[in-house]
Amino acid sequence: MEELRVFTGNAHPELAREITEYLGTTLGKCEVFQFSNENTFVRILENVRERDAFIVQPICPPVNSNLMELLIMIDAMKRASASRITAVIPYYAYGRSDKKDQPRVPITARLVADLLTVAGANRVLTVDLHKAQIQGFFNIPVDELTAFYLLGEYFRKRNLENVVAVATDFGITKQARDIGAMLDAPLAIMEKRRLGNDDRTETLNVIGDVDGKNALIVDEEIDTASSLLGVIKALLDRGARQVYACCTHPVFSGPAVDRIASSQLEEVVVTNTVPVKDGKLKDKVTVLSIAPLLGEAIKRIHTGQSVGAMFEV
């Protein structure tokens, strides 16, 4: 493990420190800041020649600044002759822009993949992409971890009775079914449609029986929580007794936390793939650490072990 080096930008240094604690090492030394003209400057403050370098940097708000930091850090590592550079991106922004769903729009998820590759990344480690096919946008290895086993285990220990796992849309059905299997719970699926480009959705139907049950909403990301409120209302209107929620990425932009706090949701359980500031930690929000999962994956990548074996039963 002496040849392993873990570095971080300014996106989520707390997570990077937790990862190094799991690995029993220290955080690599570097400086990353913006000049007064908003140009990003990076300097690696230790020798990385022929070392295995891991850069922990979720692409979270401010998204474009954190993405640029990551790209420049990768370039700095490459020019400092690191033997391998792994971009550890717990949250991959622009994941929703994975196809042309309107005329004359970009596929930004592919553009970000190209930027990372051209910058010099040799591989990517990430968690719960918006769509699994984003891995195919890269010409370098991509290891995608999932936090849904961690979330499911939390609710298994809660010993909730008469639970139904609720997928927020058809795209998250597999993950919701897996959590349902951990809880010995049936599956329900929300049918909804997105309205324009302003984060509004319309819930059309609930497929499955939720009457009299404790509903557990499963999603990979909560952004403004507008969609979440629609799902909560639809479940309660159809007779759900209590409503819980879980997601991997708590982006919590705009009024999300206040909406959750004032909603009829009992609890929302998330991970720290992105930083959740103290001011956003209302009584209903529980944060689980993703650091041990990422740390174990980093150790396996460094030592040439299987990452997929982490999730084999």
C-alpha atoms as a PDB file:
ATOM      1  CA  MET A   1       0.000   0.000   0.000  1.00  0.00           C
ATOM      2  CA  GLU A   2       3.048   2.283   0.139  1.00  0.00           C
ATOM      3  CA  GLU A   3       2.652   3.165  -3.534  1.00  0.00           C
ATOM      4  CA  LEU A   4      -0.996   4.220  -3.127  1.00  0.00           C
ATOM      5  CA  ARG A   5      -1.742   7.947  -2.885  1.00  0.00           C
ATOM      6  CA  VAL A   6      -5.177   9.487  -2.292  1.00  0.00           C
ATOM      7  CA  PHE A   7      -5.760  13.162  -3.131  1.00  0.00           C
ATOM      8  CA  THR A   8      -8.770  15.442  -3.015  1.00  0.00           C
ATOM      9  CA  GLY A   9      -9.909  18.722  -4.470  1.00  0.00           C
ATOM     10  CA  ASN A  10     -12.298  21.099  -2.724  1.00  0.00           C
ATOM     11  CA  ALA A  11     -15.514  19.234  -3.548  1.00  0.00           C
ATOM     12  CA  HIS A  12     -15.621  16.839  -0.580  1.00  0.00           C
ATOM     13  CA  PRO A  13     -12.411  16.673   1.504  1.00  0.00           C
ATOM     14  CA  GLU A  14     -14.295  15.169   4.475  1.00  0.00           C
ATOM     15  CA  LEU A  15     -15.149  12.061   2.439  1.00  0.00           C
ATOM     16  CA  ALA A  16     -11.551  11.783   1.204  1.00  0.00           C
ATOM     17  CA  ARG A  17     -10.286  11.873   4.795  1.00  0.00           C
ATOM     18  CA  GLU A  18     -12.736   9.135   5.807  1.00  0.00           C
ATOM     19  CA  ILE A  19     -11.478   7.002   2.917  1.00  0.00           C
ATOM     20  CA  THR A  20      -7.833   7.406   3.956  1.00  0.00           C
ATOM     21  CA  GLU A  21      -8.767   6.488   7.541  1.00  0.00           C
ATOM     22  CA  TYR A  22     -10.311   3.271   6.232  1.00  0.00           C
ATOM     23  CA  LEU A  23      -7.166   2.559   4.200  1.00  0.00           C
ATOM     24  CA  GLY A  24      -4.863   3.372   7.114  1.00  0.00           C
ATOM     25  CA  THR A  25      -3.000   6.015   5.151  1.00  0.00           C
ATOM     26  CA  THR A  26      -2.825   9.806   5.003  1.00  0.00           C
ATOM     27  CA  LEU A  27      -4.276  12.236   2.503  1.00  0.00           C
ATOM     28  CA  GLY A  28      -1.896  13.287  -0.272  1.00  0.00           C
ATOM     29  CA  LYS A  29      -0.589  16.834  -0.163  1.00  0.00           C
ATOM     30  CA  CYS A  30      -1.648  19.276  -2.855  1.00  0.00           C
ATOM     31  CA  GLU A  31      -3.000  22.781  -3.182  1.00  0.00           C
ATOM     32  CA  VAL A  32      -6.067  23.552  -5.256  1.00  0.00           C
ATOM     33  CA  PHE A  33      -7.509  27.068  -5.411  1.00  0.00           C
ATOM     34  CA  GLN A  34      -8.814  29.772  -7.714  1.00  0.00           C
ATOM     35  CA  PHE A  35      -6.991  32.974  -8.582  1.00  0.00           C
ATOM     36  CA  SER A  36      -8.934  36.221  -8.444  1.00  0.00           C
ATOM     37  CA  ASN A  37      -9.726  35.801 -12.159  1.00  0.00           C
ATOM     38  CA  GLU A  38     -11.395  32.424 -11.365  1.00  0.00           C
ATOM     39  CA  ASN A  39      -8.638  30.402 -13.040  1.00  0.00           C
ATOM     40  CA  THR A  40      -8.045  27.157 -11.130  1.00  0.00           C
ATOM     41  CA  PHE A  41      -4.508  26.394  -9.937  1.00  0.00           C
ATOM     42  CA  VAL A  42      -3.280  22.951  -8.876  1.00  0.00           C
ATOM     43  CA  ARG A  43       0.077  21.926  -7.458  1.00  0.00           C
ATOM     44  CA  ILE A  44       0.961  18.448  -6.215  1.00  0.00           C
ATOM     45  CA  LEU A  45       3.143  18.858  -3.136  1.00  0.00           C
ATOM     46  CA  GLU A  46       4.685  15.383  -2.987  1.00  0.00           C
ATOM     47  CA  ASN A  47       6.338  12.873  -5.285  1.00  0.00           C
ATOM     48  CA  VAL A  48       3.850  10.778  -7.307  1.00  0.00           C
ATOM     49  CA  ARG A  49       6.239   9.426  -9.943  1.00  0.00           C
ATOM     50  CA  GLU A  50       5.289   5.804 -10.674  1.00  0.00           C
ATOM     51  CA  ARG A  51       2.684   5.916  -7.885  1.00  0.00           C
ATOM     52  CA  ASP A  52      -0.947   4.747  -8.003  1.00  0.00           C
ATOM     53  CA  ALA A  53      -2.911   7.994  -7.621  1.00  0.00           C
ATOM     54  CA  PHE A  54      -6.597   8.243  -6.672  1.00  0.00           C
ATOM     55  CA  ILE A  55      -8.354  11.621  -6.867  1.00  0.00           C
ATOM     56  CA  VAL A  56     -11.561  11.864  -4.814  1.00  0.00           C
ATOM     57  CA  GLN A  57     -13.803  14.531  -6.315  1.00  0.00           C
ATOM     58  CA  PRO A  58     -17.578  14.246  -6.705  1.00  0.00           C
ATOM     59  CA  ILE A  59     -18.895  16.544  -9.414  1.00  0.00           C
ATOM     60  CA  CYS A  60     -21.307  18.272  -7.035  1.00  0.00           C
ATOM     61  CA  PRO A  61     -22.282  21.942  -6.738  1.00  0.00           C
ATOM     62  CA  PRO A  62     -20.597  24.143  -7.772  1.00  0.00           C
ATOM     63  CA  VAL A  63     -20.584  21.547 -10.543  1.00  0.00           C
ATOM     64  CA  ASN A  64     -18.489  23.270 -13.192  1.00  0.00           C
ATOM     65  CA  SER A  65     -15.817  24.467 -10.748  1.00  0.00           C
ATOM     66  CA  ASN A  66     -15.460  21.007  -9.226  1.00  0.00           C
ATOM     67  CA  LEU A  67     -15.332  19.372 -12.636  1.00  0.00           C
ATOM     68  CA  MET A  68     -12.602  21.762 -13.744  1.00  0.00           C
ATOM     69  CA  GLU A  69     -10.630  21.089 -10.550  1.00  0.00           C
ATOM     70  CA  LEU A  70     -10.806  17.373 -11.252  1.00  0.00           C
ATOM     71  CA  LEU A  71      -9.643  17.742 -14.849  1.00  0.00           C
ATOM     72  CA  ILE A  72      -6.713  19.962 -13.866  1.00  0.00           C
ATOM     73  CA  MET A  73      -5.719  17.636 -11.012  1.00  0.00           C
ATOM     74  CA  ILE A  74      -5.691  14.697 -13.425  1.00  0.00           C
ATOM     75  CA  ASP A  75      -3.507  16.654 -15.847  1.00  0.00           C
ATOM     76  CA  ALA A  76      -1.132  17.622 -13.027  1.00  0.00           C
ATOM     77  CA  MET A  77      -0.823  13.967 -11.960  1.00  0.00           C
ATOM     78  CA  LYS A  78      -0.167  12.877 -15.524  1.00  0.00           C
ATOM     79  CA  ARG A  79       2.578  15.478 -15.985  1.00  0.00           C
ATOM     80  CA  ALA A  80       4.064  14.430 -12.621  1.00  0.00           C
ATOM     81  CA  SER A  81       4.447  10.873 -14.048  1.00  0.00           C
ATOM     82  CA  ALA A  82       1.945   9.030 -11.849  1.00  0.00           C
ATOM     83  CA  SER A  83       1.830   5.419 -13.026  1.00  0.00           C
ATOM     84  CA  ARG A  84      -1.981   5.229 -12.918  1.00  0.00           C
ATOM     85  CA  ILE A  85      -4.622   7.879 -12.246  1.00  0.00           C
ATOM     86  CA  THR A  86      -8.057   6.848 -11.002  1.00  0.00           C
ATOM     87  CA  ALA A  87     -10.765   9.494 -10.850  1.00  0.00           C
ATOM     88  CA  VAL A  88     -12.946   8.633  -7.837  1.00  0.00           C
ATOM     89  CA  ILE A  89     -16.229  10.347  -8.672  1.00  0.00           C
ATOM     90  CA  PRO A  90     -18.868   9.349  -6.108  1.00  0.00           C
ATOM     91  CA  TYR A  91     -21.415  11.591  -7.834  1.00  0.00           C
ATOM     92  CA  TYR A  92     -21.268  11.924 -11.619  1.00  0.00           C
ATOM     93  CA  ALA A  93     -23.003  15.154 -12.616  1.00  0.00           C
ATOM     94  CA  TYR A  94     -24.632  15.598 -16.027  1.00  0.00           C
ATOM     95  CA  GLY A  95     -25.700  11.946 -15.814  1.00  0.00           C
ATOM     96  CA  ARG A  96     -29.256  12.867 -16.790  1.00  0.00           C
ATOM     97  CA  SER A  97     -27.965  14.237 -20.118  1.00  0.00           C
ATOM     98  CA  ASP A  98     -27.248  10.748 -21.420  1.00  0.00           C
ATOM     99  CA  LYS A  99     -29.242  10.871 -24.666  1.00  0.00           C
ATOM    100  CA  LYS A 100     -30.843  13.228 -27.171  1.00  0.00           C
ATOM    101  CA  ASP A 101     -34.382  13.421 -25.847  1.00  0.00           C
ATOM    102  CA  GLN A 102     -35.078  16.754 -27.556  1.00  0.00           C
ATOM    103  CA  PRO A 103     -33.957  18.261 -30.873  1.00  0.00           C
ATOM    104  CA  ARG A 104     -30.561  19.995 -30.940  1.00  0.00           C
ATOM    105  CA  VAL A 105     -29.423  19.129 -27.402  1.00  0.00           C
ATOM    106  CA  PRO A 106     -26.001  17.758 -26.339  1.00  0.00           C
ATOM    107  CA  ILE A 107     -25.163  14.427 -24.712  1.00  0.00           C
ATOM    108  CA  THR A 108     -23.243  16.042 -21.883  1.00  0.00           C
ATOM    109  CA  ALA A 109     -22.627  12.821 -19.949  1.00  0.00           C
ATOM    110  CA  ARG A 110     -20.581  11.628 -22.942  1.00  0.00           C
ATOM    111  CA  LEU A 111     -18.762  14.972 -23.181  1.00  0.00           C
ATOM    112  CA  VAL A 112     -17.696  14.738 -19.513  1.00  0.00           C
ATOM    113  CA  ALA A 113     -16.438  11.184 -20.140  1.00  0.00           C
ATOM    114  CA  ASP A 114     -14.351  12.445 -23.058  1.00  0.00           C
ATOM    115  CA  LEU A 115     -12.948  15.306 -20.977  1.00  0.00           C
ATOM    116  CA  LEU A 116     -11.851  12.939 -18.196  1.00  0.00           C
ATOM    117  CA  THR A 117     -10.206  10.585 -20.664  1.00  0.00           C
ATOM    118  CA  VAL A 118      -8.387  13.317 -22.583  1.00  0.00           C
ATOM    119  CA  ALA A 119      -7.209  14.886 -19.306  1.00  0.00           C
ATOM    120  CA  GLY A 120      -5.382  11.632 -18.567  1.00  0.00           C
ATOM    121  CA  ALA A 121      -7.553   9.490 -16.283  1.00  0.00           C
ATOM    122  CA  ASN A 122      -6.718   5.787 -16.608  1.00  0.00           C
ATOM    123  CA  ARG A 123      -9.874   4.567 -14.889  1.00  0.00           C
ATOM    124  CA  VAL A 124     -12.981   5.836 -13.097  1.00  0.00           C
ATOM    125  CA  LEU A 125     -14.552   4.712  -9.827  1.00  0.00           C
ATOM    126  CA  THR A 126     -18.103   5.944  -9.268  1.00  0.00           C
ATOM    127  CA  VAL A 127     -21.329   5.186  -7.387  1.00  0.00           C
ATOM    128  CA  ASP A 128     -24.837   4.622  -8.784  1.00  0.00           C
ATOM    129  CA  LEU A 129     -24.782   6.333 -12.164  1.00  0.00           C
ATOM    130  CA  HIS A 130     -28.075   7.748 -13.383  1.00  0.00           C
ATOM    131  CA  LYS A 131     -28.008   5.161 -16.168  1.00  0.00           C
ATOM    132  CA  ALA A 132     -25.670   2.142 -16.270  1.00  0.00           C
ATOM    133  CA  GLN A 133     -24.963   2.656 -19.980  1.00  0.00           C
ATOM    134  CA  ILE A 134     -22.957   5.794 -19.146  1.00  0.00           C
ATOM    135  CA  GLN A 135     -20.094   3.358 -18.505  1.00  0.00           C
ATOM    136  CA  GLY A 136     -20.098   2.755 -22.261  1.00  0.00           C
ATOM    137  CA  PHE A 137     -19.279   6.424 -22.909  1.00  0.00           C
ATOM    138  CA  PHE A 138     -15.744   5.754 -21.644  1.00  0.00           C
ATOM    139  CA  ASN A 139     -12.865   4.068 -23.440  1.00  0.00           C
ATOM    140  CA  ILE A 140     -11.189   3.390 -20.078  1.00  0.00           C
ATOM    141  CA  PRO A 141     -12.282   0.996 -17.295  1.00  0.00           C
ATOM    142  CA  VAL A 142     -15.190   2.168 -15.136  1.00  0.00           C
ATOM    143  CA  ASP A 143     -16.045   0.549 -11.801  1.00  0.00           C
ATOM    144  CA  GLU A 144     -19.576   1.419 -10.704  1.00  0.00           C
ATOM    145  CA  LEU A 145     -20.371   0.695  -7.061  1.00  0.00           C
ATOM    146  CA  THR A 146     -23.857   0.719  -5.582  1.00  0.00           C
ATOM    147  CA  ALA A 147     -24.999   2.073  -2.233  1.00  0.00           C
ATOM    148  CA  PHE A 148     -28.386   0.358  -2.316  1.00  0.00           C
ATOM    149  CA  TYR A 149     -27.180  -2.618  -0.275  1.00  0.00           C
ATOM    150  CA  LEU A 150     -26.032  -0.154   2.398  1.00  0.00           C
ATOM    151  CA  LEU A 151     -29.396   1.613   2.325  1.00  0.00           C
ATOM    152  CA  GLY A 152     -31.323  -1.649   2.334  1.00  0.00           C
ATOM    153  CA  GLU A 153     -29.331  -2.956   5.294  1.00  0.00           C
ATOM    154  CA  TYR A 154     -30.204   0.182   7.271  1.00  0.00           C
ATOM    155  CA  PHE A 155     -33.918  -0.418   6.804  1.00  0.00           C
ATOM    156  CA  ARG A 156     -33.569  -4.157   7.425  1.00  0.00           C
ATOM    157  CA  LYS A 157     -32.174  -3.316  10.865  1.00  0.00           C
ATOM    158  CA  ARG A 158     -35.086  -0.917  11.426  1.00  0.00           C
ATOM    159  CA  ASN A 159     -37.416  -3.969  11.343  1.00  0.00           C
ATOM    160  CA  LEU A 160     -40.234  -2.101   9.652  1.00  0.00           C
ATOM    161  CA  GLU A 161     -43.339  -4.224   9.184  1.00  0.00           C
ATOM    162  CA  ASN A 162     -45.637  -4.573   6.178  1.00  0.00           C
ATOM    163  CA  VAL A 163     -43.230  -2.725   3.846  1.00  0.00           C
ATOM    164  CA  VAL A 164     -43.562  -2.131   0.118  1.00  0.00           C
ATOM    165  CA  ALA A 165     -40.531  -0.930  -1.887  1.00  0.00           C
ATOM    166  CA  VAL A 166     -41.506   1.849  -4.286  1.00  0.00           C
ATOM    167  CA  ALA A 167     -39.495   2.623  -7.435  1.00  0.00           C
ATOM    168  CA  THR A 168     -39.845   6.289  -8.366  1.00  0.00           C
ATOM    169  CA  ASP A 169     -39.847   5.373 -12.053  1.00  0.00           C
ATOM    170  CA  PHE A 170     -39.207   2.386 -14.316  1.00  0.00           C
ATOM    171  CA  GLY A 171     -35.477   3.154 -14.522  1.00  0.00           C
ATOM    172  CA  ILE A 172     -34.889   2.445 -10.821  1.00  0.00           C
ATOM    173  CA  THR A 173     -37.017  -0.731 -10.701  1.00  0.00           C
ATOM    174  CA  LYS A 174     -34.112  -3.187 -10.343  1.00  0.00           C
ATOM    175  CA  GLN A 175     -32.602  -1.329  -7.372  1.00  0.00           C
ATOM    176  CA  ALA A 176     -36.000  -1.051  -5.669  1.00  0.00           C
ATOM    177  CA  ARG A 177     -36.615  -4.763  -6.251  1.00  0.00           C
ATOM    178  CA  ASP A 178     -33.218  -5.610  -4.717  1.00  0.00           C
ATOM    179  CA  ILE A 179     -33.992  -3.556  -1.597  1.00  0.00           C
ATOM    180  CA  GLY A 180     -37.438  -5.146  -1.484  1.00  0.00           C
ATOM    181  CA  ALA A 181     -35.822  -8.586  -1.537  1.00  0.00           C
ATOM    182  CA  MET A 182     -33.640  -7.618   1.446  1.00  0.00           C
ATOM    183  CA  LEU A 183     -36.774  -6.578   3.353  1.00  0.00           C
ATOM    184  CA  ASP A 184     -38.970  -9.420   2.073  1.00  0.00           C
ATOM    185  CA  ALA A 185     -41.203  -6.714   0.632  1.00  0.00           C
ATOM    186  CA  PRO A 186     -43.220  -6.496  -2.617  1.00  0.00           C
ATOM    187  CA  LEU A 187     -42.558  -3.897  -5.298  1.00  0.00           C
ATOM    188  CA  ALA A 188     -44.600  -0.934  -6.489  1.00  0.00           C
ATOM    189  CA  ILE A 189     -43.660   1.388  -9.357  1.00  0.00           C
ATOM    190  CA  MET A 190     -44.554   5.031  -9.892  1.00  0.00           C
ATOM    191  CA  GLU A 191     -45.590   6.064 -13.362  1.00  0.00           C
ATOM    192  CA  LYS A 192     -44.667   9.693 -13.960  1.00  0.00           C
ATOM    193  CA  ARG A 193     -43.537  12.071 -16.661  1.00  0.00           C
ATOM    194  CA  ARG A 194     -41.179  15.026 -16.640  1.00  0.00           C
ATOM    195  CA  LEU A 195     -42.613  18.421 -17.584  1.00  0.00           C
ATOM    196  CA  GLY A 196     -40.143  20.469 -19.631  1.00  0.00           C
ATOM    197  CA  ASN A 197     -36.645  21.286 -18.365  1.00  0.00           C
ATOM    198  CA  ASP A 198     -37.480  22.876 -15.009  1.00  0.00           C
ATOM    199  CA  ASP A 199     -37.354  19.803 -12.711  1.00  0.00           C
ATOM    200  CA  ARG A 200     -41.141  19.425 -12.589  1.00  0.00           C
ATOM    201  CA  THR A 201     -42.753  15.991 -12.829  1.00  0.00           C
ATOM    202  CA  GLU A 202     -46.317  14.717 -12.909  1.00  0.00           C
ATOM    203  CA  THR A 203     -47.217  11.487 -11.106  1.00  0.00           C
ATOM    204  CA  LEU A 204     -49.698   9.580 -13.246  1.00  0.00           C
ATOM    205  CA  ASN A 205     -50.245   6.254 -11.497  1.00  0.00           C
ATOM    206  CA  VAL A 206     -49.042   3.821  -8.818  1.00  0.00           C
ATOM    207  CA  ILE A 207     -48.514   0.312 -10.157  1.00  0.00           C
ATOM    208  CA  GLY A 208     -48.848  -2.102  -7.230  1.00  0.00           C
ATOM    209  CA  ASP A 209     -50.624  -2.346  -3.893  1.00  0.00           C
ATOM    210  CA  VAL A 210     -49.607   0.208  -1.244  1.00  0.00           C
ATOM    211  CA  ASP A 211     -52.853   0.385   0.740  1.00  0.00           C
ATOM    212  CA  GLY A 212     -52.178   0.027   4.476  1.00  0.00           C
ATOM    213  CA  LYS A 213     -48.450  -0.528   3.958  1.00  0.00           C
ATOM    214  CA  ASN A 214     -45.293   1.301   5.003  1.00  0.00           C
ATOM    215  CA  ALA A 215     -43.918   2.598   1.713  1.00  0.00           C
ATOM    216  CA  LEU A 216     -40.162   2.892   1.143  1.00  0.00           C
ATOM    217  CA  ILE A 217     -39.363   5.156  -1.822  1.00  0.00           C
ATOM    218  CA  VAL A 218     -36.163   4.207  -3.643  1.00  0.00           C
ATOM    219  CA  ASP A 219     -34.292   6.611  -5.936  1.00  0.00           C
ATOM    220  CA  GLU A 220     -30.675   7.285  -6.877  1.00  0.00           C
ATOM    221  CA  GLU A 221     -30.848  11.069  -6.431  1.00  0.00           C
ATOM    222  CA  ILE A 222     -32.925  13.751  -4.717  1.00  0.00           C
ATOM    223  CA  ASP A 223     -32.420  17.156  -6.290  1.00  0.00           C
ATOM    224  CA  THR A 224     -35.120  19.747  -5.538  1.00  0.00           C
ATOM    225  CA  ALA A 225     -37.455  17.107  -3.973  1.00  0.00           C
ATOM    226  CA  SER A 226     -40.316  18.256  -6.217  1.00  0.00           C
ATOM    227  CA  SER A 227     -40.676  14.772  -7.680  1.00  0.00           C
ATOM    228  CA  LEU A 228     -40.384  13.217  -4.208  1.00  0.00           C
ATOM    229  CA  LEU A 229     -43.308  15.286  -2.905  1.00  0.00           C
ATOM    230  CA  GLY A 230     -45.451  14.109  -5.806  1.00  0.00           C
ATOM    231  CA  VAL A 231     -44.628  10.475  -5.039  1.00  0.00           C
ATOM    232  CA  ILE A 232     -45.373  10.942  -1.317  1.00  0.00           C
ATOM    233  CA  LYS A 233     -48.769  12.488  -2.083  1.00  0.00           C
ATOM    234  CA  ALA A 234     -49.666   9.742  -4.551  1.00  0.00           C
ATOM    235  CA  LEU A 235     -48.765   7.018  -2.046  1.00  0.00           C
ATOM    236  CA  LEU A 236     -50.742   8.597   0.799  1.00  0.00           C
ATOM    237  CA  ASP A 237     -53.726   9.192  -1.493  1.00  0.00           C
ATOM    238  CA  ARG A 238     -53.695   5.463  -2.275  1.00  0.00           C
ATOM    239  CA  GLY A 239     -53.723   4.434   1.366  1.00  0.00           C
ATOM    240  CA  ALA A 240     -50.088   4.098   2.378  1.00  0.00           C
ATOM    241  CA  ARG A 241     -49.747   4.201   6.154  1.00  0.00           C
ATOM    242  CA  GLN A 242     -46.278   5.746   6.516  1.00  0.00           C
ATOM    243  CA  VAL A 243     -43.750   6.840   3.885  1.00  0.00           C
ATOM    244  CA  TYR A 244     -39.966   6.552   4.071  1.00  0.00           C
ATOM    245  CA  ALA A 245     -37.382   7.308   1.380  1.00  0.00           C
ATOM    246  CA  CYS A 246     -33.777   6.497   0.530  1.00  0.00           C
ATOM    247  CA  CYS A 247     -31.366   7.638  -2.137  1.00  0.00           C
ATOM    248  CA  THR A 248     -27.649   7.525  -2.892  1.00  0.00           C
ATOM    249  CA  HIS A 249     -27.049  11.146  -3.898  1.00  0.00           C
ATOM    250  CA  PRO A 250     -28.553  13.900  -1.669  1.00  0.00           C
ATOM    251  CA  VAL A 251     -27.996  16.865  -3.991  1.00  0.00           C
ATOM    252  CA  PHE A 252     -30.687  18.782  -2.048  1.00  0.00           C
ATOM    253  CA  SER A 253     -30.638  21.892  -4.209  1.00  0.00           C
ATOM    254  CA  GLY A 254     -32.912  24.884  -3.765  1.00  0.00           C
ATOM    255  CA  PRO A 255     -35.814  24.274  -1.377  1.00  0.00           C
ATOM    256  CA  ALA A 256     -35.292  20.489  -1.132  1.00  0.00           C
ATOM    257  CA  VAL A 257     -34.536  20.234   2.584  1.00  0.00           C
ATOM    258  CA  ASP A 258     -37.352  22.572   3.615  1.00  0.00           C
ATOM    259  CA  ARG A 259     -39.735  20.608   1.397  1.00  0.00           C
ATOM    260  CA  ILE A 260     -38.655  17.361   3.052  1.00  0.00           C
ATOM    261  CA  ALA A 261     -38.901  18.874   6.525  1.00  0.00           C
ATOM    262  CA  SER A 262     -42.467  20.060   5.956  1.00  0.00           C
ATOM    263  CA  SER A 263     -43.601  16.908   4.144  1.00  0.00           C
ATOM    264  CA  GLN A 264     -45.356  13.838   5.579  1.00  0.00           C
ATOM    265  CA  LEU A 265     -42.203  11.793   5.063  1.00  0.00           C
ATOM    266  CA  GLU A 266     -41.117   9.898   8.186  1.00  0.00           C
ATOM    267  CA  GLU A 267     -37.407   9.693   7.305  1.00  0.00           C
ATOM    268  CA  VAL A 268     -35.094   9.976   4.306  1.00  0.00           C
ATOM    269  CA  VAL A 269     -31.845   8.003   4.396  1.00  0.00           C
ATOM    270  CA  VAL A 270     -28.977   9.095   2.129  1.00  0.00           C
ATOM    271  CA  THR A 271     -25.225   8.621   1.743  1.00  0.00           C
ATOM    272  CA  ASN A 272     -22.430  11.189   1.723  1.00  0.00           C
ATOM    273  CA  THR A 273     -21.441  10.868  -1.936  1.00  0.00           C
ATOM    274  CA  VAL A 274     -21.924  14.639  -1.907  1.00  0.00           C
ATOM    275  CA  PRO A 275     -21.444  16.845   1.159  1.00  0.00           C
ATOM    276  CA  VAL A 276     -24.568  17.403   3.239  1.00  0.00           C
ATOM    277  CA  LYS A 277     -23.958  20.627   5.142  1.00  0.00           C
ATOM    278  CA  ASP A 278     -24.967  20.851   8.806  1.00  0.00           C
ATOM    279  CA  GLY A 279     -27.636  23.386   7.952  1.00  0.00           C
ATOM    280  CA  LYS A 280     -29.303  20.793   5.734  1.00  0.00           C
ATOM    281  CA  LEU A 281     -29.370  18.075   8.391  1.00  0.00           C
ATOM    282  CA  LYS A 282     -32.968  18.338   9.526  1.00  0.00           C
ATOM    283  CA  ASP A 283     -34.495  15.765  11.854  1.00  0.00           C
ATOM    284  CA  LYS A 284     -35.824  13.692   8.966  1.00  0.00           C
ATOM    285  CA  VAL A 285     -32.465  13.236   7.193  1.00  0.00           C
ATOM    286  CA  THR A 286     -30.113  10.354   8.099  1.00  0.00           C
ATOM    287  CA  VAL A 287     -26.686  10.244   6.405  1.00  0.00           C
ATOM    288  CA  LEU A 288     -24.741   6.980   5.988  1.00  0.00           C
ATOM    289  CA  SER A 289     -21.043   7.038   5.089  1.00  0.00           C
ATOM    290  CA  ILE A 290     -20.009   5.639   1.721  1.00  0.00           C
ATOM    291  CA  ALA A 291     -16.303   5.852   2.688  1.00  0.00           C
ATOM    292  CA  PRO A 292     -15.805   2.172   3.670  1.00  0.00           C
ATOM    293  CA  LEU A 293     -17.296   1.052   0.336  1.00  0.00           C
ATOM    294  CA  LEU A 294     -15.079   3.409  -1.672  1.00  0.00           C
ATOM    295  CA  GLY A 295     -12.050   2.608   0.483  1.00  0.00           C
ATOM    296  CA  GLU A 296     -12.455  -1.130  -0.055  1.00  0.00           C
ATOM    297  CA  ALA A 297     -12.845  -0.610  -3.818  1.00  0.00           C
ATOM    298  CA  ILE A 298      -9.699   1.547  -3.925  1.00  0.00           C
ATOM    299  CA  LYS A 299      -7.764  -1.126  -2.031  1.00  0.00           C
ATOM    300  CA  ARG A 300      -8.960  -3.809  -4.444  1.00  0.00           C
ATOM    301  CA  ILE A 301      -8.115  -1.731  -7.512  1.00  0.00           C
ATOM    302  CA  HIS A 302      -4.650  -1.013  -6.128  1.00  0.00           C
ATOM    303  CA  THR A 303      -3.924  -4.653  -5.270  1.00  0.00           C
ATOM    304  CA  GLY A 304      -5.482  -6.141  -8.409  1.00  0.00           C
ATOM    305  CA  GLN A 305      -8.452  -7.824  -6.717  1.00  0.00           C
ATOM    306  CA  SER A 306     -12.013  -8.058  -8.001  1.00  0.00           C
ATOM    307  CA  VAL A 307     -14.271  -5.084  -7.296  1.00  0.00           C
ATOM    308  CA  GLY A 308     -17.392  -6.943  -8.391  1.00  0.00           C
ATOM    309  CA  ALA A 309     -16.764  -9.598  -5.736  1.00  0.00           C
ATOM    310  CA  MET A 310     -17.673  -6.999  -3.098  1.00  0.00           C
ATOM    311  CA  PHE A 311     -21.336  -7.425  -4.051  1.00  0.00           C
ATOM    312  CA  GLU A 312     -21.446 -11.192  -4.511  1.00  0.00           C
ATOM    313  CA  VAL A 313     -23.706 -12.998  -2.057  1.00  0.00           C
END
